[in-house]
N, C-alpha and C. Protein backbone atom coordinates (compact mmCIF):
# COMPACT_ATOMS: atom_id res chain seq x y z
N UNK A 1 24.02 -1.95 40.49
CA UNK A 1 23.74 -2.05 38.83
C UNK A 1 23.18 -0.51 38.56
N UNK A 2 24.03 0.38 37.47
CA UNK A 2 23.50 1.61 36.99
C UNK A 2 22.47 1.18 35.90
N UNK A 3 21.30 1.99 35.92
CA UNK A 3 20.20 1.96 34.86
C UNK A 3 20.98 2.78 33.77
N UNK A 4 20.48 2.11 32.43
CA UNK A 4 20.98 2.50 30.98
C UNK A 4 19.87 3.59 30.89
N UNK A 5 20.09 4.91 30.26
CA UNK A 5 19.39 5.84 29.90
C UNK A 5 19.54 6.18 28.63
N UNK A 6 18.37 5.97 27.54
CA UNK A 6 18.58 6.44 26.66
C UNK A 6 17.72 7.53 26.10
N UNK A 7 18.05 8.45 25.36
CA UNK A 7 17.75 9.74 24.95
C UNK A 7 16.20 9.24 24.41
N UNK A 8 15.13 10.21 24.77
CA UNK A 8 13.76 10.40 23.84
C UNK A 8 13.61 9.61 22.49
N UNK A 9 14.56 10.45 21.81
CA UNK A 9 14.70 9.89 20.25
C UNK A 9 14.98 8.44 20.01
N UNK A 10 15.35 7.58 21.09
CA UNK A 10 15.45 6.41 20.80
C UNK A 10 14.32 5.66 20.95
N UNK A 11 14.02 5.71 22.42
CA UNK A 11 12.57 5.29 22.60
C UNK A 11 11.49 5.59 21.08
N UNK A 12 11.15 6.67 20.72
CA UNK A 12 10.18 7.24 19.46
C UNK A 12 10.59 6.31 18.32
N UNK A 13 11.62 5.88 18.17
CA UNK A 13 12.24 5.62 17.17
C UNK A 13 12.35 3.94 17.18
N UNK A 14 12.49 3.74 18.42
CA UNK A 14 11.91 1.89 18.79
C UNK A 14 10.57 1.67 18.59
N UNK A 15 9.58 2.62 19.10
CA UNK A 15 8.20 2.77 18.86
C UNK A 15 7.59 2.43 17.56
N UNK A 16 8.09 3.56 16.82
CA UNK A 16 7.99 3.76 15.27
C UNK A 16 8.37 2.20 14.60
N UNK A 17 9.47 2.04 14.87
CA UNK A 17 9.89 0.50 13.89
C UNK A 17 9.08 -0.55 14.32
N UNK A 18 8.64 -0.83 15.78
CA UNK A 18 7.71 -1.81 16.12
C UNK A 18 6.63 -1.69 15.46
N UNK A 19 5.65 -0.32 15.48
CA UNK A 19 4.49 -0.10 14.72
C UNK A 19 4.71 -0.64 13.55
N UNK A 20 5.51 -0.04 12.80
CA UNK A 20 5.53 -0.62 11.48
C UNK A 20 5.62 -2.19 11.06
N UNK A 21 6.42 -2.59 12.00
CA UNK A 21 6.24 -4.21 11.85
C UNK A 21 5.22 -4.86 12.28
N UNK A 22 4.05 -4.48 13.24
CA UNK A 22 3.04 -4.81 13.74
C UNK A 22 1.77 -4.64 12.47
N UNK A 23 1.86 -3.51 11.75
CA UNK A 23 0.43 -3.11 10.95
C UNK A 23 1.02 -3.19 9.17
N UNK A 24 2.45 -3.44 9.13
CA UNK A 24 2.65 -3.96 7.76
C UNK A 24 2.55 -5.45 7.29
N UNK A 25 1.90 -6.19 6.31
CA UNK A 25 1.97 -7.16 6.23
C UNK A 25 3.05 -7.29 4.99
N UNK A 26 3.81 -8.18 4.76
CA UNK A 26 4.63 -8.70 3.86
C UNK A 26 3.92 -9.27 2.91
N UNK A 27 4.56 -8.51 1.53
CA UNK A 27 3.71 -9.48 0.48
C UNK A 27 3.82 -10.74 -0.11
N UNK A 28 5.10 -11.20 0.57
CA UNK A 28 5.24 -12.88 0.06
C UNK A 28 4.28 -13.56 1.90
N UNK A 29 3.72 -12.66 2.61
CA UNK A 29 2.80 -13.65 3.14
C UNK A 29 1.38 -13.60 2.89
N UNK A 30 1.09 -12.66 1.92
CA UNK A 30 -0.35 -12.30 1.03
C UNK A 30 -1.03 -13.86 0.96
N UNK A 31 -2.40 -13.94 1.31
CA UNK A 31 -2.70 -15.20 0.70
C UNK A 31 -3.72 -14.86 -0.48
N UNK A 32 -4.01 -15.58 -1.74
CA UNK A 32 -5.05 -14.95 -2.47
C UNK A 32 -6.47 -15.10 -1.84
N UNK A 33 -7.21 -14.00 -2.02
CA UNK A 33 -8.25 -13.93 -1.65
C UNK A 33 -8.53 -13.21 -0.61
N UNK A 34 -7.93 -13.01 0.04
CA UNK A 34 -7.78 -12.28 1.57
C UNK A 34 -7.95 -10.87 1.11
N UNK A 35 -8.28 -10.03 2.39
CA UNK A 35 -8.05 -8.27 2.64
C UNK A 35 -7.02 -8.00 2.88
N UNK A 36 -6.67 -6.76 2.47
CA UNK A 36 -4.86 -6.79 2.88
C UNK A 36 -4.79 -4.96 3.00
N UNK A 37 -4.20 -4.37 3.90
CA UNK A 37 -4.01 -3.12 3.76
C UNK A 37 -2.41 -3.02 3.94
N UNK A 38 -1.71 -2.40 3.16
CA UNK A 38 -0.13 -1.94 3.43
C UNK A 38 -0.11 -0.54 2.92
N UNK A 39 1.12 0.21 3.78
CA UNK A 39 1.22 1.39 3.72
C UNK A 39 3.01 1.53 3.15
N UNK A 40 3.52 2.33 2.58
CA UNK A 40 4.34 2.25 1.80
C UNK A 40 4.63 3.54 0.98
N UNK A 41 6.14 3.46 0.48
CA UNK A 41 6.20 4.64 -0.47
C UNK A 41 6.36 4.33 -2.31
N UNK A 42 5.71 5.25 -2.65
CA UNK A 42 5.56 5.10 -3.93
C UNK A 42 6.84 5.01 -4.84
N UNK A 43 7.14 3.92 -5.27
CA UNK A 43 8.19 3.64 -6.49
C UNK A 43 8.14 4.12 -7.96
N UNK A 44 6.90 3.56 -8.23
CA UNK A 44 6.50 4.02 -9.69
C UNK A 44 4.84 3.87 -9.96
N UNK A 45 4.57 4.68 -10.98
CA UNK A 45 3.11 4.75 -11.29
C UNK A 45 2.87 4.46 -12.66
N UNK A 46 2.35 3.30 -13.04
CA UNK A 46 2.01 3.33 -14.59
C UNK A 46 0.52 2.97 -14.76
N UNK A 47 -0.10 4.11 -15.45
CA UNK A 47 -1.40 4.50 -16.08
C UNK A 47 -1.66 4.05 -17.51
N UNK A 48 -0.37 3.34 -18.16
CA UNK A 48 -0.76 3.30 -19.26
C UNK A 48 -1.74 1.95 -19.73
N UNK A 49 -1.51 1.10 -18.99
CA UNK A 49 -2.41 0.11 -19.25
C UNK A 49 -4.45 0.57 -19.12
N UNK A 50 -4.54 1.62 -18.66
CA UNK A 50 -5.75 2.27 -18.76
C UNK A 50 -6.13 2.43 -20.28
N UNK A 51 -5.09 2.78 -20.95
CA UNK A 51 -5.22 2.89 -22.44
C UNK A 51 -6.17 1.71 -23.08
N UNK A 52 -6.16 1.01 -22.79
CA UNK A 52 -6.38 -0.44 -23.20
C UNK A 52 -7.20 -1.69 -22.32
N UNK A 53 -7.85 -0.73 -21.53
CA UNK A 53 -9.04 -1.28 -20.21
C UNK A 53 -7.69 -2.33 -19.14
N UNK A 54 -6.91 -2.13 -19.32
CA UNK A 54 -6.02 -2.59 -18.35
C UNK A 54 -5.97 -2.14 -17.01
N UNK A 55 -5.21 -2.77 -15.98
CA UNK A 55 -4.90 -1.88 -14.78
C UNK A 55 -3.54 -1.26 -14.42
N UNK A 56 -3.97 -0.19 -13.74
CA UNK A 56 -2.77 0.98 -13.62
C UNK A 56 -2.27 0.42 -12.79
N UNK A 57 -0.98 0.32 -12.31
CA UNK A 57 0.29 -0.34 -11.60
C UNK A 57 0.82 0.54 -10.63
N UNK A 58 0.46 0.66 -9.44
CA UNK A 58 1.34 1.26 -8.52
C UNK A 58 2.10 0.80 -7.62
N UNK A 59 3.64 0.87 -7.70
CA UNK A 59 4.53 -0.06 -6.92
C UNK A 59 4.89 0.52 -5.86
N UNK A 60 4.72 -0.24 -4.38
CA UNK A 60 5.04 0.55 -3.25
C UNK A 60 6.08 -0.31 -2.74
N UNK A 61 7.03 0.79 -1.89
CA UNK A 61 8.00 0.11 -1.46
C UNK A 61 7.34 0.37 0.44
N UNK A 62 7.51 -1.26 0.78
CA UNK A 62 6.84 -1.32 2.40
C UNK A 62 7.85 -1.70 3.12
N UNK A 63 7.76 -1.68 4.22
CA UNK A 63 9.13 -2.19 5.24
C UNK A 63 9.24 -3.75 4.79
N UNK A 64 8.22 -4.64 4.56
CA UNK A 64 8.61 -6.09 4.22
C UNK A 64 8.76 -6.45 2.29
N UNK A 65 8.88 -5.15 1.96
CA UNK A 65 9.04 -5.66 0.53
C UNK A 65 8.19 -4.78 -0.40
N UNK A 66 8.73 -5.09 -1.63
CA UNK A 66 7.48 -4.20 -2.64
C UNK A 66 6.00 -4.88 -2.98
N UNK A 67 5.07 -4.26 -2.96
CA UNK A 67 3.34 -4.60 -3.63
C UNK A 67 3.05 -3.71 -4.59
N UNK A 68 2.69 -4.53 -5.34
CA UNK A 68 2.43 -3.67 -6.73
C UNK A 68 0.69 -3.90 -6.43
N UNK A 69 0.03 -2.56 -6.52
CA UNK A 69 -1.11 -2.18 -6.39
C UNK A 69 -2.03 -1.93 -7.31
N UNK A 70 -3.10 -2.84 -7.88
CA UNK A 70 -3.55 -2.82 -9.29
C UNK A 70 -5.35 -2.05 -9.26
N UNK A 71 -4.92 -0.62 -10.06
CA UNK A 71 -6.55 -0.10 -10.01
C UNK A 71 -6.91 -0.09 -11.35
N UNK A 72 -8.40 -1.07 -11.34
CA UNK A 72 -8.88 -1.13 -12.61
C UNK A 72 -9.07 -0.22 -13.76
N UNK A 73 -9.23 -0.34 -14.73
CA UNK A 73 -9.55 0.97 -15.56
C UNK A 73 -11.22 1.53 -15.68
N UNK A 74 -12.04 0.55 -15.28
CA UNK A 74 -13.58 0.82 -14.98
C UNK A 74 -13.64 0.28 -13.86
N UNK A 75 -14.03 2.03 -13.46
CA UNK A 75 -14.23 2.09 -11.87
C UNK A 75 -15.68 1.99 -11.86
N UNK A 76 -16.34 2.35 -12.83
CA UNK A 76 -17.90 2.11 -12.69
C UNK A 76 -18.45 0.68 -12.64
N UNK A 77 -17.50 -0.18 -12.34
CA UNK A 77 -17.75 -1.48 -11.98
C UNK A 77 -17.29 -1.81 -10.89
N UNK A 78 -16.30 -1.11 -9.98
CA UNK A 78 -15.95 -1.29 -9.05
C UNK A 78 -16.75 -0.73 -7.95
N UNK A 79 -16.70 -1.16 -6.67
CA UNK A 79 -17.61 -0.66 -5.26
C UNK A 79 -16.66 0.24 -4.38
N UNK A 80 -15.58 0.16 -4.99
CA UNK A 80 -14.70 1.12 -3.85
C UNK A 80 -14.92 2.61 -4.67
N UNK A 81 -14.50 3.40 -3.80
CA UNK A 81 -14.54 4.86 -4.70
C UNK A 81 -13.56 5.40 -5.43
N UNK A 82 -13.41 5.58 -6.52
CA UNK A 82 -12.13 5.91 -7.50
C UNK A 82 -10.82 6.45 -6.39
N UNK A 83 -9.52 6.23 -6.87
CA UNK A 83 -8.66 6.79 -5.91
C UNK A 83 -8.46 8.27 -5.97
N UNK A 84 -7.71 8.74 -5.23
CA UNK A 84 -7.45 10.31 -5.67
C UNK A 84 -6.65 10.44 -6.70
N UNK A 85 -6.37 11.85 -6.96
CA UNK A 85 -5.80 11.64 -8.38
C UNK A 85 -4.38 11.13 -8.60
N UNK A 86 -4.68 10.21 -8.88
CA UNK A 86 -3.56 9.11 -9.43
C UNK A 86 -2.29 9.67 -10.08
N UNK A 87 -2.66 10.93 -11.17
CA UNK A 87 -1.52 11.11 -11.95
C UNK A 87 -0.49 12.11 -11.32
N UNK A 88 -1.69 12.34 -10.12
CA UNK A 88 -0.31 13.22 -9.19
C UNK A 88 0.76 12.27 -8.23
N UNK A 89 0.46 11.11 -8.30
CA UNK A 89 1.55 10.39 -7.48
C UNK A 89 2.82 10.39 -7.91
N UNK A 90 3.84 10.34 -6.82
CA UNK A 90 5.19 10.58 -7.57
C UNK A 90 5.94 9.76 -6.74
N UNK A 91 7.07 8.98 -6.94
CA UNK A 91 7.76 8.35 -6.35
C UNK A 91 8.62 9.29 -5.29
N UNK A 92 8.46 8.58 -3.95
CA UNK A 92 8.43 9.03 -2.86
C UNK A 92 7.22 9.16 -1.89
N UNK A 93 6.11 9.26 -2.48
CA UNK A 93 5.01 9.73 -1.66
C UNK A 93 4.31 8.73 -0.87
N UNK A 94 3.61 8.98 0.52
CA UNK A 94 3.85 8.01 1.10
C UNK A 94 2.14 7.48 1.14
N UNK A 95 1.47 6.24 0.54
CA UNK A 95 0.23 5.86 0.62
C UNK A 95 -0.37 5.16 1.22
N UNK A 96 -1.20 4.73 1.52
CA UNK A 96 -1.70 3.48 1.72
C UNK A 96 -2.94 2.72 0.98
N UNK A 97 -2.92 1.51 1.01
CA UNK A 97 -3.79 0.51 -0.22
C UNK A 97 -4.40 -0.41 0.72
N UNK A 98 -5.87 -0.65 0.34
CA UNK A 98 -6.45 -1.55 0.88
C UNK A 98 -7.44 -2.29 -0.22
N UNK A 99 -7.07 -3.66 -0.04
CA UNK A 99 -7.97 -4.33 -1.19
C UNK A 99 -7.53 -5.80 -1.25
N UNK A 100 -8.01 -6.42 -2.19
CA UNK A 100 -8.19 -8.08 -2.32
C UNK A 100 -6.51 -8.63 -2.60
N UNK A 101 -6.17 -9.61 -2.36
CA UNK A 101 -4.72 -9.93 -2.78
C UNK A 101 -5.01 -11.30 -3.80
N UNK A 102 -4.56 -11.03 -4.94
CA UNK A 102 -4.66 -12.21 -5.86
C UNK A 102 -3.60 -13.22 -5.94
N UNK A 103 -3.75 -14.06 -6.85
CA UNK A 103 -3.21 -15.13 -6.65
C UNK A 103 -1.73 -14.99 -7.07
N UNK A 104 -1.07 -14.04 -7.89
CA UNK A 104 0.20 -13.97 -7.86
C UNK A 104 0.90 -12.84 -6.97
N UNK A 105 0.03 -12.32 -5.81
CA UNK A 105 0.33 -11.70 -4.60
C UNK A 105 0.35 -10.00 -4.78
N UNK A 106 -0.25 -9.85 -5.89
CA UNK A 106 -0.74 -8.22 -6.18
C UNK A 106 -2.30 -7.76 -5.37
N UNK A 107 -2.60 -6.42 -5.16
CA UNK A 107 -3.49 -6.32 -4.44
C UNK A 107 -4.49 -5.09 -5.34
N UNK A 108 -5.49 -5.94 -5.34
CA UNK A 108 -6.66 -5.24 -6.54
C UNK A 108 -7.26 -4.14 -5.84
N UNK A 109 -7.48 -2.98 -5.88
CA UNK A 109 -8.23 -1.97 -5.19
C UNK A 109 -9.23 -1.86 -6.04
N UNK A 110 -10.94 -2.82 -5.52
CA UNK A 110 -11.85 -2.25 -6.45
C UNK A 110 -12.84 -3.55 -5.77
N UNK A 111 -13.10 -4.43 -5.08
CA UNK A 111 -13.94 -5.03 -4.98
C UNK A 111 -14.90 -4.50 -3.85
N UNK A 112 -14.56 -4.25 -2.72
CA UNK A 112 -15.15 -3.62 -1.73
C UNK A 112 -15.22 -2.36 -1.73
N UNK A 113 -16.07 -1.78 -0.80
CA UNK A 113 -16.27 -0.27 -0.54
C UNK A 113 -15.35 0.22 0.53
N UNK A 114 -14.87 -0.49 1.34
CA UNK A 114 -13.58 0.17 2.09
C UNK A 114 -12.02 -0.05 1.25
N UNK A 115 -12.36 -0.46 0.15
CA UNK A 115 -10.79 -0.55 -0.48
C UNK A 115 -10.84 0.63 -0.96
N UNK A 116 -9.28 0.88 -1.18
CA UNK A 116 -8.94 2.73 -1.62
C UNK A 116 -7.43 2.48 -1.75
N UNK A 117 -6.94 3.66 -2.49
CA UNK A 117 -5.63 3.83 -2.66
C UNK A 117 -5.76 5.45 -2.38
N UNK A 118 -5.19 5.65 -1.14
CA UNK A 118 -5.20 7.20 -0.75
C UNK A 118 -3.59 7.54 0.00
N UNK A 119 -3.50 9.03 -0.03
CA UNK A 119 -1.67 9.34 0.50
C UNK A 119 -2.13 9.26 2.02
N UNK A 120 -0.95 8.78 2.50
CA UNK A 120 -0.86 8.58 4.35
C UNK A 120 -0.49 9.63 4.96
N UNK A 121 -0.79 9.90 6.13
CA UNK A 121 -0.34 10.88 6.85
C UNK A 121 1.09 10.97 6.97
């Protein structure tokens, strides 16, 4: 039997694929009240709700579907530090969000000091 040799790039691609599957939670697998961290690409940013004390919504495309990340208008009531310049986020930026899952499956960044939305490397 002759061993099959794959190029190094195939091994790297496979490792990245497995890592993404192991670290990203599908949005439909979220359970209300639990803490979750997702990494994905920004699809859209809507800060309009901040004008009437609503939550800004950053839509992320993850390996397992879309996740809506909510950023409350009143950061002074949050334990989490305010996110980096939300206004500068644009479609395609890679970010990581950590927050509490709500009943409707969204992720709210606010409740804990470890929560946040930041650009991912």
